[in-house]
Amino acid sequence: MCEFFDRIEAKGKAAGIAEGRAEGRLKERETGIRNTVRLCKDFGADLEKTIRQLIELYSLSEDEAARKADEYWNLV
């Protein structure tokens, strides 16, 4: 019976680790998007050029890239 619980515990730990890694990747991607917007703005790119960069670098749809650019444009 203990072996059964040990296996369940191991599966739970593995699932938790995988979930934490996935969350970390999403957070890092969002940080990258925010930094890209900041760099584009710092180097004089307009909002439209920034949106094109987000589409190219992060494979975002045009709508999603526009939302992200708008979200971060005035924060940086």
PDB file of N, CA and C in Angstrom:
ATOM      1  N   MET A   1       0.821  -1.195   0.000  1.00  0.00           N
ATOM      2  CA  MET A   1       0.000   0.000   0.000  1.00  0.00           C
ATOM      3  C   MET A   1       0.866   1.261   0.000  1.00  0.00           C
ATOM      4  N   CYS A   2       2.002   1.248   0.722  1.00  0.00           N
ATOM      5  CA  CYS A   2       2.886   2.408   0.756  1.00  0.00           C
ATOM      6  C   CYS A   2       3.463   2.708  -0.623  1.00  0.00           C
ATOM      7  N   GLU A   3       3.751   1.668  -1.371  1.00  0.00           N
ATOM      8  CA  GLU A   3       4.294   1.865  -2.710  1.00  0.00           C
ATOM      9  C   GLU A   3       3.293   2.621  -3.590  1.00  0.00           C
ATOM     10  N   PHE A   4       2.034   2.299  -3.414  1.00  0.00           N
ATOM     11  CA  PHE A   4       0.976   2.983  -4.159  1.00  0.00           C
ATOM     12  C   PHE A   4       0.995   4.478  -3.848  1.00  0.00           C
ATOM     13  N   PHE A   5       1.052   4.829  -2.580  1.00  0.00           N
ATOM     14  CA  PHE A   5       1.071   6.240  -2.184  1.00  0.00           C
ATOM     15  C   PHE A   5       2.367   6.932  -2.611  1.00  0.00           C
ATOM     16  N   ASP A   6       3.468   6.188  -2.578  1.00  0.00           N
ATOM     17  CA  ASP A   6       4.737   6.749  -3.046  1.00  0.00           C
ATOM     18  C   ASP A   6       4.660   7.105  -4.531  1.00  0.00           C
ATOM     19  N   ARG A   7       4.030   6.245  -5.321  1.00  0.00           N
ATOM     20  CA  ARG A   7       3.872   6.522  -6.751  1.00  0.00           C
ATOM     21  C   ARG A   7       2.960   7.726  -6.988  1.00  0.00           C
ATOM     22  N   ILE A   8       1.890   7.808  -6.221  1.00  0.00           N
ATOM     23  CA  ILE A   8       0.977   8.956  -6.347  1.00  0.00           C
ATOM     24  C   ILE A   8       1.706  10.238  -5.975  1.00  0.00           C
ATOM     25  N   GLU A   9       2.491  10.186  -4.890  1.00  0.00           N
ATOM     26  CA  GLU A   9       3.257  11.364  -4.467  1.00  0.00           C
ATOM     27  C   GLU A   9       4.272  11.762  -5.548  1.00  0.00           C
ATOM     28  N   ALA A  10       4.957  10.801  -6.116  1.00  0.00           N
ATOM     29  CA  ALA A  10       5.951  11.086  -7.158  1.00  0.00           C
ATOM     30  C   ALA A  10       5.284  11.708  -8.387  1.00  0.00           C
ATOM     31  N   LYS A  11       4.117  11.179  -8.767  1.00  0.00           N
ATOM     32  CA  LYS A  11       3.398  11.754  -9.908  1.00  0.00           C
ATOM     33  C   LYS A  11       2.965  13.188  -9.601  1.00  0.00           C
ATOM     34  N   GLY A  12       2.519  13.427  -8.380  1.00  0.00           N
ATOM     35  CA  GLY A  12       2.114  14.778  -7.981  1.00  0.00           C
ATOM     36  C   GLY A  12       3.276  15.752  -8.021  1.00  0.00           C
ATOM     37  N   LYS A  13       4.431  15.317  -7.525  1.00  0.00           N
ATOM     38  CA  LYS A  13       5.623  16.171  -7.574  1.00  0.00           C
ATOM     39  C   LYS A  13       6.019  16.475  -9.006  1.00  0.00           C
ATOM     40  N   ALA A  14       6.004  15.457  -9.850  1.00  0.00           N
ATOM     41  CA  ALA A  14       6.376  15.649 -11.258  1.00  0.00           C
ATOM     42  C   ALA A  14       5.407  16.616 -11.935  1.00  0.00           C
ATOM     43  N   ALA A  15       4.133  16.476 -11.630  1.00  0.00           N
ATOM     44  CA  ALA A  15       3.139  17.384 -12.219  1.00  0.00           C
ATOM     45  C   ALA A  15       3.364  18.807 -11.723  1.00  0.00           C
ATOM     46  N   GLY A  16       3.680  18.955 -10.448  1.00  0.00           N
ATOM     47  CA  GLY A  16       3.948  20.282  -9.894  1.00  0.00           C
ATOM     48  C   GLY A  16       5.173  20.928 -10.514  1.00  0.00           C
ATOM     49  N   ILE A  17       6.209  20.153 -10.714  1.00  0.00           N
ATOM     50  CA  ILE A  17       7.426  20.667 -11.351  1.00  0.00           C
ATOM     51  C   ILE A  17       7.127  21.099 -12.786  1.00  0.00           C
ATOM     52  N   ALA A  18       6.391  20.275 -13.514  1.00  0.00           N
ATOM     53  CA  ALA A  18       6.046  20.612 -14.901  1.00  0.00           C
ATOM     54  C   ALA A  18       5.200  21.882 -14.954  1.00  0.00           C
ATOM     55  N   GLU A  19       4.254  22.003 -14.030  1.00  0.00           N
ATOM     56  CA  GLU A  19       3.413  23.203 -13.991  1.00  0.00           C
ATOM     57  C   GLU A  19       4.239  24.444 -13.677  1.00  0.00           C
ATOM     58  N   GLY A  20       5.171  24.327 -12.741  1.00  0.00           N
ATOM     59  CA  GLY A  20       6.044  25.448 -12.398  1.00  0.00           C
ATOM     60  C   GLY A  20       6.918  25.870 -13.566  1.00  0.00           C
ATOM     61  N   ARG A  21       7.428  24.916 -14.291  1.00  0.00           N
ATOM     62  CA  ARG A  21       8.246  25.234 -15.473  1.00  0.00           C
ATOM     63  C   ARG A  21       7.417  25.929 -16.542  1.00  0.00           C
ATOM     64  N   ALA A  22       6.207  25.446 -16.751  1.00  0.00           N
ATOM     65  CA  ALA A  22       5.332  26.072 -17.753  1.00  0.00           C
ATOM     66  C   ALA A  22       5.018  27.512 -17.356  1.00  0.00           C
ATOM     67  N   GLU A  23       4.721  27.736 -16.080  1.00  0.00           N
ATOM     68  CA  GLU A  23       4.461  29.093 -15.607  1.00  0.00           C
ATOM     69  C   GLU A  23       5.691  29.977 -15.787  1.00  0.00           C
ATOM     70  N   GLY A  24       6.852  29.433 -15.526  1.00  0.00           N
ATOM     71  CA  GLY A  24       8.094  30.180 -15.695  1.00  0.00           C
ATOM     72  C   GLY A  24       8.328  30.576 -17.140  1.00  0.00           C
ATOM     73  N   ARG A  25       8.051  29.652 -18.055  1.00  0.00           N
ATOM     74  CA  ARG A  25       8.214  29.959 -19.481  1.00  0.00           C
ATOM     75  C   ARG A  25       7.255  31.062 -19.915  1.00  0.00           C
ATOM     76  N   LEU A  26       6.017  31.006 -19.435  1.00  0.00           N
ATOM     77  CA  LEU A  26       5.049  32.048 -19.785  1.00  0.00           C
ATOM     78  C   LEU A  26       5.462  33.403 -19.227  1.00  0.00           C
ATOM     79  N   LYS A  27       5.952  33.399 -17.995  1.00  0.00           N
ATOM     80  CA  LYS A  27       6.393  34.655 -17.381  1.00  0.00           C
ATOM     81  C   LYS A  27       7.594  35.216 -18.135  1.00  0.00           C
ATOM     82  N   GLU A  28       8.526  34.369 -18.503  1.00  0.00           N
ATOM     83  CA  GLU A  28       9.711  34.806 -19.235  1.00  0.00           C
ATOM     84  C   GLU A  28       9.328  35.343 -20.614  1.00  0.00           C
ATOM     85  N   ARG A  29       8.377  34.707 -21.266  1.00  0.00           N
ATOM     86  CA  ARG A  29       7.905  35.184 -22.569  1.00  0.00           C
ATOM     87  C   ARG A  29       7.288  36.577 -22.422  1.00  0.00           C
ATOM     88  N   GLU A  30       6.475  36.756 -21.392  1.00  0.00           N
ATOM     89  CA  GLU A  30       5.846  38.052 -21.168  1.00  0.00           C
ATOM     90  C   GLU A  30       6.894  39.124 -20.877  1.00  0.00           C
ATOM     91  N   THR A  31       7.924  38.764 -20.121  1.00  0.00           N
ATOM     92  CA  THR A  31       9.017  39.694 -19.858  1.00  0.00           C
ATOM     93  C   THR A  31       9.727  40.056 -21.155  1.00  0.00           C
ATOM     94  N   GLY A  32       9.938  39.086 -22.018  1.00  0.00           N
ATOM     95  CA  GLY A  32      10.562  39.343 -23.309  1.00  0.00           C
ATOM     96  C   GLY A  32       9.732  40.278 -24.172  1.00  0.00           C
ATOM     97  N   ILE A  33       8.429  40.070 -24.171  1.00  0.00           N
ATOM     98  CA  ILE A  33       7.543  40.944 -24.940  1.00  0.00           C
ATOM     99  C   ILE A  33       7.622  42.363 -24.412  1.00  0.00           C
ATOM    100  N   ARG A  34       7.552  42.515 -23.094  1.00  0.00           N
ATOM    101  CA  ARG A  34       7.640  43.846 -22.483  1.00  0.00           C
ATOM    102  C   ARG A  34       8.978  44.509 -22.811  1.00  0.00           C
ATOM    103  N   ASN A  35      10.061  43.762 -22.741  1.00  0.00           N
ATOM    104  CA  ASN A  35      11.379  44.321 -23.049  1.00  0.00           C
ATOM    105  C   ASN A  35      11.514  44.685 -24.524  1.00  0.00           C
ATOM    106  N   THR A  36      10.903  43.903 -25.397  1.00  0.00           N
ATOM    107  CA  THR A  36      10.927  44.227 -26.822  1.00  0.00           C
ATOM    108  C   THR A  36      10.214  45.546 -27.079  1.00  0.00           C
ATOM    109  N   VAL A  37       9.071  45.737 -26.442  1.00  0.00           N
ATOM    110  CA  VAL A  37       8.340  47.001 -26.592  1.00  0.00           C
ATOM    111  C   VAL A  37       9.208  48.154 -26.096  1.00  0.00           C
ATOM    112  N   ARG A  38       9.845  47.957 -24.943  1.00  0.00           N
ATOM    113  CA  ARG A  38      10.695  49.018 -24.384  1.00  0.00           C
ATOM    114  C   ARG A  38      11.850  49.361 -25.329  1.00  0.00           C
ATOM    115  N   LEU A  39      12.515  48.338 -25.852  1.00  0.00           N
ATOM    116  CA  LEU A  39      13.639  48.582 -26.750  1.00  0.00           C
ATOM    117  C   LEU A  39      13.204  49.256 -28.048  1.00  0.00           C
ATOM    118  N   CYS A  40      12.094  48.805 -28.596  1.00  0.00           N
ATOM    119  CA  CYS A  40      11.592  49.440 -29.811  1.00  0.00           C
ATOM    120  C   CYS A  40      11.320  50.917 -29.552  1.00  0.00           C
ATOM    121  N   LYS A  41      10.659  51.207 -28.452  1.00  0.00           N
ATOM    122  CA  LYS A  41      10.345  52.596 -28.117  1.00  0.00           C
ATOM    123  C   LYS A  41      11.622  53.396 -27.875  1.00  0.00           C
ATOM    124  N   ASP A  42      12.569  52.820 -27.128  1.00  0.00           N
ATOM    125  CA  ASP A  42      13.837  53.506 -26.834  1.00  0.00           C
ATOM    126  C   ASP A  42      14.625  53.826 -28.101  1.00  0.00           C
ATOM    127  N   PHE A  43      14.534  52.954 -29.110  1.00  0.00           N
ATOM    128  CA  PHE A  43      15.269  53.168 -30.352  1.00  0.00           C
ATOM    129  C   PHE A  43      14.459  53.928 -31.396  1.00  0.00           C
ATOM    130  N   GLY A  44      13.319  54.478 -30.983  1.00  0.00           N
ATOM    131  CA  GLY A  44      12.555  55.361 -31.844  1.00  0.00           C
ATOM    132  C   GLY A  44      11.563  54.700 -32.781  1.00  0.00           C
ATOM    133  N   ALA A  45      11.312  53.422 -32.605  1.00  0.00           N
ATOM    134  CA  ALA A  45      10.318  52.753 -33.448  1.00  0.00           C
ATOM    135  C   ALA A  45       8.930  53.241 -33.049  1.00  0.00           C
ATOM    136  N   ASP A  46       8.061  53.349 -34.039  1.00  0.00           N
ATOM    137  CA  ASP A  46       6.686  53.718 -33.713  1.00  0.00           C
ATOM    138  C   ASP A  46       5.913  52.468 -33.291  1.00  0.00           C
ATOM    139  N   LEU A  47       4.683  52.685 -32.878  1.00  0.00           N
ATOM    140  CA  LEU A  47       3.866  51.584 -32.371  1.00  0.00           C
ATOM    141  C   LEU A  47       3.636  50.525 -33.437  1.00  0.00           C
ATOM    142  N   GLU A  48       3.425  50.928 -34.666  1.00  0.00           N
ATOM    143  CA  GLU A  48       3.179  49.968 -35.750  1.00  0.00           C
ATOM    144  C   GLU A  48       4.397  49.075 -36.000  1.00  0.00           C
ATOM    145  N   LYS A  49       5.568  49.663 -35.999  1.00  0.00           N
ATOM    146  CA  LYS A  49       6.795  48.881 -36.194  1.00  0.00           C
ATOM    147  C   LYS A  49       7.001  47.930 -35.004  1.00  0.00           C
ATOM    148  N   THR A  50       6.672  48.387 -33.822  1.00  0.00           N
ATOM    149  CA  THR A  50       6.778  47.553 -32.618  1.00  0.00           C
ATOM    150  C   THR A  50       5.845  46.354 -32.719  1.00  0.00           C
ATOM    151  N   ILE A  51       4.643  46.583 -33.189  1.00  0.00           N
ATOM    152  CA  ILE A  51       3.681  45.489 -33.369  1.00  0.00           C
ATOM    153  C   ILE A  51       4.225  44.472 -34.364  1.00  0.00           C
ATOM    154  N   ARG A  52       4.805  44.932 -35.459  1.00  0.00           N
ATOM    155  CA  ARG A  52       5.391  44.009 -36.440  1.00  0.00           C
ATOM    156  C   ARG A  52       6.528  43.189 -35.825  1.00  0.00           C
ATOM    157  N   GLN A  53       7.328  43.833 -34.975  1.00  0.00           N
ATOM    158  CA  GLN A  53       8.418  43.111 -34.300  1.00  0.00           C
ATOM    159  C   GLN A  53       7.863  42.017 -33.385  1.00  0.00           C
ATOM    160  N   LEU A  54       6.813  42.323 -32.652  1.00  0.00           N
ATOM    161  CA  LEU A  54       6.209  41.327 -31.757  1.00  0.00           C
ATOM    162  C   LEU A  54       5.644  40.153 -32.546  1.00  0.00           C
ATOM    163  N   ILE A  55       5.043  40.450 -33.682  1.00  0.00           N
ATOM    164  CA  ILE A  55       4.513  39.380 -34.534  1.00  0.00           C
ATOM    165  C   ILE A  55       5.652  38.480 -35.007  1.00  0.00           C
ATOM    166  N   GLU A  56       6.735  39.095 -35.456  1.00  0.00           N
ATOM    167  CA  GLU A  56       7.861  38.336 -35.990  1.00  0.00           C
ATOM    168  C   GLU A  56       8.592  37.542 -34.904  1.00  0.00           C
ATOM    169  N   LEU A  57       8.874  38.183 -33.785  1.00  0.00           N
ATOM    170  CA  LEU A  57       9.693  37.544 -32.750  1.00  0.00           C
ATOM    171  C   LEU A  57       8.940  36.530 -31.900  1.00  0.00           C
ATOM    172  N   TYR A  58       7.651  36.772 -31.678  1.00  0.00           N
ATOM    173  CA  TYR A  58       6.897  35.933 -30.746  1.00  0.00           C
ATOM    174  C   TYR A  58       5.735  35.194 -31.395  1.00  0.00           C
ATOM    175  N   SER A  59       5.641  35.264 -32.720  1.00  0.00           N
ATOM    176  CA  SER A  59       4.583  34.566 -33.455  1.00  0.00           C
ATOM    177  C   SER A  59       3.195  34.904 -32.909  1.00  0.00           C
ATOM    178  N   LEU A  60       2.992  36.178 -32.583  1.00  0.00           N
ATOM    179  CA  LEU A  60       1.695  36.622 -32.100  1.00  0.00           C
ATOM    180  C   LEU A  60       0.806  36.972 -33.284  1.00  0.00           C
ATOM    181  N   SER A  61      -0.491  36.876 -33.068  1.00  0.00           N
ATOM    182  CA  SER A  61      -1.420  37.377 -34.082  1.00  0.00           C
ATOM    183  C   SER A  61      -1.319  38.896 -34.073  1.00  0.00           C
ATOM    184  N   GLU A  62      -1.820  39.527 -35.127  1.00  0.00           N
ATOM    185  CA  GLU A  62      -1.757  40.981 -35.184  1.00  0.00           C
ATOM    186  C   GLU A  62      -2.545  41.614 -34.031  1.00  0.00           C
ATOM    187  N   ASP A  63      -3.709  41.041 -33.722  1.00  0.00           N
ATOM    188  CA  ASP A  63      -4.526  41.570 -32.623  1.00  0.00           C
ATOM    189  C   ASP A  63      -3.817  41.431 -31.279  1.00  0.00           C
ATOM    190  N   GLU A  64      -3.235  40.260 -31.039  1.00  0.00           N
ATOM    191  CA  GLU A  64      -2.544  40.037 -29.765  1.00  0.00           C
ATOM    192  C   GLU A  64      -1.316  40.930 -29.650  1.00  0.00           C
ATOM    193  N   ALA A  65      -0.569  41.073 -30.735  1.00  0.00           N
ATOM    194  CA  ALA A  65       0.610  41.939 -30.728  1.00  0.00           C
ATOM    195  C   ALA A  65       0.210  43.385 -30.456  1.00  0.00           C
ATOM    196  N   ALA A  66      -0.885  43.830 -31.055  1.00  0.00           N
ATOM    197  CA  ALA A  66      -1.360  45.200 -30.833  1.00  0.00           C
ATOM    198  C   ALA A  66      -1.770  45.392 -29.376  1.00  0.00           C
ATOM    199  N   ARG A  67      -2.446  44.398 -28.803  1.00  0.00           N
ATOM    200  CA  ARG A  67      -2.842  44.491 -27.384  1.00  0.00           C
ATOM    201  C   ARG A  67      -1.622  44.578 -26.477  1.00  0.00           C
ATOM    202  N   LYS A  68      -0.635  43.731 -26.740  1.00  0.00           N
ATOM    203  CA  LYS A  68       0.574  43.725 -25.915  1.00  0.00           C
ATOM    204  C   LYS A  68       1.338  45.036 -26.066  1.00  0.00           C
ATOM    205  N   ALA A  69       1.470  45.513 -27.295  1.00  0.00           N
ATOM    206  CA  ALA A  69       2.177  46.769 -27.531  1.00  0.00           C
ATOM    207  C   ALA A  69       1.467  47.917 -26.817  1.00  0.00           C
ATOM    208  N   ASP A  70       0.151  47.971 -26.936  1.00  0.00           N
ATOM    209  CA  ASP A  70      -0.619  49.022 -26.243  1.00  0.00           C
ATOM    210  C   ASP A  70      -0.464  48.912 -24.732  1.00  0.00           C
ATOM    211  N   GLU A  71      -0.488  47.685 -24.247  1.00  0.00           N
ATOM    212  CA  GLU A  71      -0.382  47.447 -22.800  1.00  0.00           C
ATOM    213  C   GLU A  71       0.941  47.969 -22.233  1.00  0.00           C
ATOM    214  N   TYR A  72       2.028  47.732 -22.951  1.00  0.00           N
ATOM    215  CA  TYR A  72       3.352  48.072 -22.420  1.00  0.00           C
ATOM    216  C   TYR A  72       3.900  49.409 -22.916  1.00  0.00           C
ATOM    217  N   TRP A  73       3.338  49.977 -23.956  1.00  0.00           N
ATOM    218  CA  TRP A  73       3.907  51.178 -24.572  1.00  0.00           C
ATOM    219  C   TRP A  73       4.072  52.311 -23.564  1.00  0.00           C
ATOM    220  N   ASN A  74       3.067  52.587 -22.764  1.00  0.00           N
ATOM    221  CA  ASN A  74       3.131  53.701 -21.820  1.00  0.00           C
ATOM    222  C   ASN A  74       3.692  53.315 -20.454  1.00  0.00           C
ATOM    223  N   LEU A  75       3.934  52.028 -20.252  1.00  0.00           N
ATOM    224  CA  LEU A  75       4.522  51.581 -18.982  1.00  0.00           C
ATOM    225  C   LEU A  75       6.031  51.717 -18.984  1.00  0.00           C
ATOM    226  N   VAL A  76       6.598  51.757 -20.173  1.00  0.00           N
ATOM    227  CA  VAL A  76       8.069  51.779 -20.260  1.00  0.00           C
ATOM    228  C   VAL A  76       8.568  53.140 -20.679  1.00  0.00           C
TER     229      VAL A  76
END
